[in-house]
Protein backbone atom coordinates (compact mmCIF):
# COMPACT_ATOMS: atom_id res chain seq x y z
CA MET A 1 87.08 83.98 232.20
CA LYS A 2 85.18 80.75 232.68
CA PRO A 3 81.91 79.64 231.08
CA ALA A 4 78.58 80.39 232.67
CA PRO A 5 77.01 77.28 234.29
CA PHE A 6 75.33 74.85 231.88
CA ALA A 7 73.89 71.35 231.84
CA TYR A 8 75.96 68.76 229.96
CA GLU A 9 74.64 65.83 227.92
CA ARG A 10 76.77 63.20 226.18
CA PRO A 11 74.36 61.04 224.15
CA ARG A 12 75.20 57.56 222.86
CA ASP A 13 73.68 57.97 219.38
CA ILE A 14 71.92 60.46 217.10
CA ALA A 15 68.47 59.54 218.39
CA SER A 16 69.59 60.23 221.97
CA ALA A 17 71.18 63.52 220.89
CA LEU A 18 67.97 64.69 219.25
CA ALA A 19 65.97 63.63 222.30
CA ALA A 20 68.33 65.56 224.58
CA MET A 21 67.98 68.65 222.41
CA ALA A 22 64.20 68.37 222.37
CA SER A 23 63.86 67.85 226.12
CA SER A 24 66.23 70.59 227.24
CA ASP A 25 64.81 73.88 228.42
CA GLY A 26 66.33 77.11 227.16
CA VAL A 27 69.22 77.49 224.74
CA VAL A 28 70.93 74.33 223.50
CA LYS A 29 74.35 74.23 221.84
CA ILE A 30 75.90 71.22 220.13
CA MET A 31 79.59 70.58 220.75
CA ALA A 32 81.70 68.54 218.35
CA GLY A 33 85.38 69.50 218.18
CA GLY A 34 84.79 72.57 220.34
CA GLN A 35 87.35 74.68 218.47
CA SER A 36 84.89 77.57 218.06
CA LEU A 37 82.41 76.91 220.84
CA GLY A 38 85.05 76.41 223.55
CA PRO A 39 86.59 79.91 223.31
CA MET A 40 83.15 81.48 222.93
CA LEU A 41 82.01 79.76 226.14
CA ASN A 42 85.08 80.95 228.04
CA LEU A 43 84.60 84.51 226.83
CA ARG A 44 80.86 84.25 227.61
CA LEU A 45 80.00 85.27 224.08
CA VAL A 46 77.48 82.42 224.32
CA ALA A 47 75.81 81.14 227.48
CA PRO A 48 73.73 78.07 226.64
CA ASP A 49 71.57 76.33 229.20
CA THR A 50 72.57 72.92 227.84
CA ILE A 51 75.48 71.56 225.82
CA VAL A 52 74.94 68.33 223.89
CA ASP A 53 78.33 66.76 223.21
CA ILE A 54 78.24 64.68 220.00
CA THR A 55 81.99 64.05 219.81
CA GLY A 56 81.68 60.32 220.42
CA LEU A 57 78.89 59.54 217.94
CA ALA A 58 80.26 56.97 215.49
CA GLU A 59 77.29 57.57 213.17
CA LEU A 60 78.57 61.08 212.53
CA LYS A 61 82.06 59.88 211.61
CA HIS A 62 80.85 57.63 208.82
CA VAL A 63 82.14 58.29 205.29
CA GLU A 64 81.03 56.61 202.07
CA VAL A 65 80.78 57.13 198.35
CA ALA A 66 77.12 56.72 197.39
CA GLY A 67 76.51 56.90 193.65
CA ASN A 68 78.02 60.14 192.39
CA GLU A 69 78.36 61.69 195.85
CA LEU A 70 80.76 61.52 198.76
CA VAL A 71 78.85 61.50 202.05
CA ILE A 72 80.91 62.93 204.93
CA GLY A 73 79.66 62.59 208.50
CA ALA A 74 79.49 65.85 210.43
CA CYS A 75 82.10 64.75 213.00
CA VAL A 76 84.80 63.94 210.44
CA THR A 77 87.77 66.11 211.32
CA HIS A 78 89.81 68.40 209.09
CA ALA A 79 92.79 66.11 209.76
CA ASP A 80 90.81 63.08 208.53
CA ILE A 81 90.50 64.80 205.15
CA GLU A 82 94.05 66.17 205.18
CA ASP A 83 95.54 62.75 205.89
CA GLY A 84 93.56 60.97 203.18
CA ARG A 85 91.25 58.97 205.45
CA VAL A 86 88.31 60.28 203.39
CA PRO A 87 87.82 59.04 199.79
CA ASP A 88 88.95 61.68 197.33
CA VAL A 89 86.20 62.58 194.84
CA THR A 90 87.52 66.10 194.26
CA ARG A 91 90.95 65.16 192.88
CA GLY A 92 92.77 66.62 195.88
CA ALA A 93 90.74 69.83 196.26
CA MET A 94 89.35 69.07 199.71
CA GLN A 95 92.67 67.69 200.93
CA ARG A 96 94.47 70.89 199.97
CA VAL A 97 91.85 73.05 201.67
CA ALA A 98 91.93 70.95 204.85
CA SER A 99 95.72 71.09 205.10
CA ALA A 100 95.67 74.90 205.26
CA ILE A 101 93.03 75.28 208.00
CA ALA A 102 94.49 76.97 211.10
CA TYR A 103 97.05 74.73 212.85
CA ARG A 104 97.46 70.95 213.11
CA ALA A 105 96.16 70.90 216.70
CA VAL A 106 92.96 72.59 215.51
CA ARG A 107 92.66 70.25 212.51
CA ASN A 108 92.98 67.23 214.79
CA ARG A 109 89.83 68.16 216.72
CA GLY A 110 87.90 70.58 214.52
CA THR A 111 85.08 68.98 212.52
CA VAL A 112 83.51 69.66 209.16
CA GLY A 113 80.02 69.84 210.63
CA GLY A 114 81.09 72.09 213.48
CA SER A 115 82.72 74.54 211.11
CA LEU A 116 79.66 74.74 208.87
CA SER A 117 77.20 74.97 211.77
CA HIS A 118 79.19 77.85 213.27
CA ALA A 119 78.70 79.67 209.93
CA ASP A 120 81.69 81.96 210.14
CA PRO A 121 82.01 83.71 206.74
CA SER A 122 85.80 83.32 206.89
CA ALA A 123 85.75 79.56 207.48
CA ASP A 124 87.31 77.52 204.68
CA TRP A 125 84.59 74.87 204.34
CA VAL A 126 81.86 77.48 203.97
CA SER A 127 83.30 78.71 200.67
CA THR A 128 84.74 75.35 199.60
CA PHE A 129 81.53 73.36 199.80
CA ALA A 130 79.55 76.16 198.16
CA ALA A 131 81.97 76.09 195.22
CA LEU A 132 81.88 72.29 195.03
CA GLY A 133 78.08 72.32 194.89
CA ALA A 134 77.63 70.35 198.11
CA THR A 135 74.35 69.57 199.84
CA LEU A 136 73.87 69.39 203.61
CA SER A 137 71.76 66.81 205.42
CA LEU A 138 70.02 68.33 208.46
CA ARG A 139 68.32 66.03 210.96
CA SER A 140 65.74 66.68 213.65
CA ALA A 141 63.16 64.59 215.48
CA LYS A 142 60.83 65.30 212.54
CA GLY A 143 63.17 63.72 210.00
CA VAL A 144 65.84 64.77 207.48
CA ARG A 145 65.89 67.69 205.07
CA LEU A 146 68.47 68.50 202.42
CA ILE A 147 69.73 72.06 201.94
CA ALA A 148 72.14 73.20 199.22
CA MET A 149 75.28 74.69 200.74
CA LYS A 150 74.71 77.82 198.67
CA ASP A 151 71.46 78.41 200.57
CA PHE A 152 72.62 77.31 204.03
CA MET A 153 74.23 80.52 205.29
CA LEU A 154 71.92 83.46 205.90
CA GLY A 155 74.60 85.81 207.20
CA ALA A 156 77.52 85.99 209.60
CA LEU A 157 77.00 83.23 212.22
CA GLU A 158 73.48 82.68 210.87
CA SER A 159 72.31 79.56 209.06
CA MET A 160 69.26 77.54 208.07
CA LEU A 161 69.59 75.31 211.14
CA GLN A 162 66.39 75.33 213.19
CA PRO A 163 66.03 74.71 216.96
CA GLY A 164 66.23 70.97 217.62
CA GLU A 165 68.07 70.37 214.34
CA MET A 166 71.65 69.26 213.73
CA LEU A 167 73.90 68.93 210.71
CA GLU A 168 74.27 65.22 210.05
CA ALA A 169 76.34 64.98 206.86
CA VAL A 170 77.77 66.80 203.86
CA ARG A 171 77.14 65.38 200.38
CA VAL A 172 79.85 66.37 197.87
CA PRO A 173 79.40 65.63 194.14
CA VAL A 174 82.14 63.71 192.38
CA MET A 175 84.25 66.21 190.44
CA SER A 176 84.20 65.65 186.69
CA ALA A 177 87.45 64.78 184.91
CA SER A 178 87.43 68.04 182.96
CA ALA A 179 86.71 70.33 185.92
CA ARG A 180 89.42 72.66 187.23
CA TRP A 181 89.68 73.79 190.86
CA GLY A 182 91.21 76.89 192.38
CA TYR A 183 91.19 78.01 196.01
CA VAL A 184 93.18 80.93 197.39
CA LYS A 185 92.82 82.83 200.65
CA SER A 186 94.56 85.83 202.17
CA CYS A 187 95.49 85.74 205.86
CA ARG A 188 97.44 88.33 207.80
CA LYS A 189 99.48 85.49 209.28
CA THR A 190 99.50 81.71 209.02
CA GLY A 191 96.71 80.05 210.97
CA GLU A 192 94.38 83.02 211.18
CA PHE A 193 90.95 83.21 209.61
CA ALA A 194 91.06 84.61 206.10
CA HIS A 195 90.03 88.16 205.26
CA ALA A 196 89.54 87.25 201.57
CA ILE A 197 88.74 83.93 199.87
CA GLY A 198 88.38 82.97 196.22
CA ALA A 199 87.05 79.52 195.27
CA VAL A 200 86.34 78.46 191.70
CA LEU A 201 85.16 75.27 190.01
CA ILE A 202 85.52 75.69 186.25
CA ASP A 203 84.68 73.10 183.60
CA PRO A 204 85.78 74.43 180.19
CA GLU A 205 84.49 71.37 178.33
CA ALA A 206 81.00 71.79 179.79
CA GLY A 207 81.16 75.58 179.51
CA ARG A 208 80.28 76.02 183.19
CA ALA A 209 81.84 77.74 186.18
CA ARG A 210 80.87 78.29 189.80
CA VAL A 211 82.62 81.12 191.62
CA VAL A 212 82.57 81.92 195.33
CA ILE A 213 83.90 85.08 196.95
CA GLY A 214 84.24 84.40 200.67
CA ALA A 215 85.24 86.16 203.88
CA VAL A 216 82.98 89.11 203.09
CA GLU A 217 81.53 89.55 206.63
CA ALA A 218 78.28 87.97 205.45
CA ALA A 219 77.21 84.90 203.52
CA PRO A 220 79.64 84.22 200.65
CA ILE A 221 78.90 85.73 197.26
CA ILE A 222 78.09 82.73 195.06
CA VAL A 223 77.94 83.07 191.29
CA GLU A 224 76.34 79.89 189.96
CA ASN A 225 76.53 80.83 186.29
CA ALA A 226 79.75 82.78 186.12
CA GLU A 227 79.97 83.48 182.39
CA GLU A 228 79.75 87.21 183.11
CA LEU A 229 83.12 87.03 184.87
CA PHE A 230 84.71 85.56 181.75
CA GLY A 231 83.48 87.77 178.95
CA GLY A 232 80.24 85.87 178.42
CA ARG A 233 81.52 82.32 177.91
CA ILE A 234 83.57 79.64 179.68
CA ALA A 235 86.31 78.13 177.53
CA GLY A 236 89.86 76.85 177.80
CA ASP A 237 91.24 80.40 177.85
CA PHE A 238 89.22 81.33 180.95
CA LYS A 239 92.31 82.67 182.75
CA THR A 240 92.88 85.43 180.19
CA ARG A 241 89.16 86.10 179.87
CA PHE A 242 88.67 86.81 183.59
CA ASP A 243 87.25 90.34 183.96
CA ALA A 244 88.29 92.00 187.24
CA ARG A 245 85.92 94.91 186.58
CA VAL A 246 82.91 92.61 186.66
CA ALA A 247 84.15 91.04 189.91
CA ASP A 248 84.61 94.48 191.44
CA SER A 249 81.09 95.43 190.37
CA LEU A 250 79.66 92.28 191.97
CA LEU A 251 81.32 93.17 195.25
CA ALA A 252 80.09 96.76 195.10
CA LYS A 253 76.53 95.59 194.46
CA ALA A 254 76.84 93.21 197.41
CA GLY A 255 77.56 96.20 199.68
CA MET A 256 81.36 96.22 199.89
CA SER A 257 81.91 99.96 199.72
CA ASP A 258 85.62 100.09 200.55
CA ALA A 259 87.64 100.08 197.32
CA ALA A 260 90.72 98.63 199.04
CA ASP A 261 88.72 95.67 200.38
CA ARG A 262 87.26 95.06 196.93
CA HIS A 263 90.74 95.15 195.41
CA ILE A 264 92.00 92.50 197.85
CA HIS A 265 89.05 90.19 197.15
CA VAL A 266 89.31 90.63 193.38
CA THR A 267 93.06 89.94 193.50
CA ILE A 268 92.52 86.75 195.51
CA LEU A 269 89.80 85.64 193.09
CA ARG A 270 92.10 86.27 190.13
CA ARG A 271 94.74 84.08 191.78
CA ALA A 272 92.17 81.31 192.33
CA VAL A 273 91.30 81.45 188.62
CA ALA A 274 95.01 81.30 187.73
CA GLU A 275 95.45 78.29 190.04
CA ALA A 276 92.58 76.53 188.30
CA ALA A 277 94.21 77.20 184.93
CA ALA A 278 97.67 75.98 186.04
């Protein structure tokens, strides 16, 4: 199939992009790498009246370390992170995640902002940035607002983005020296979207842990204070203290009724914890 007819805008800067979005009648879609939107257009799963192509906006490819945060422009590609063209404030965590996204051809064009805006529950950055405690910068003609990644997704393919608003940048906190990172996903074959994701950021010295269970057909399950998963406290022996029964209960309460699905997610989460401890 081919896409339904649409108007096409290729703005020169963010201000022009926002103006094009505001002046367009009907449904507007932003295109960055096009790795999700392209197939959806061809299958006519979406039929926007206007596409605003932001691929060439240099402002959205800017990367900098500002204070204790890494600011990543929305049009930075997965390959940019994989290849080390983005400063590493997560001690390799983001680079490892990026290198396992789909295939190299997809990573060359797919963007961080596009992935997050698409809000697929199985997308790697959705769970990764929630676990890392990232904040998103959303821009519209009215100005900029900051949204914590943990609050950004409302459900499958649903987010906090409002009409006339675009994701401008991701702000990732610098990972502390004592923090431990684990990220494991289960795919039926290499390159496919995951059907279970476990992401953990554990700091035994600070006694804190953030746990994300992703690819759950809805917004990820985010446990900000995860002591309950580790027998009530976070310490150096967190691997042996991980309680699979508590994780299973969390999934059941979140509406995952199939015991086999829960078992897969709990197993993947256990492996993420073990990776963090390694």
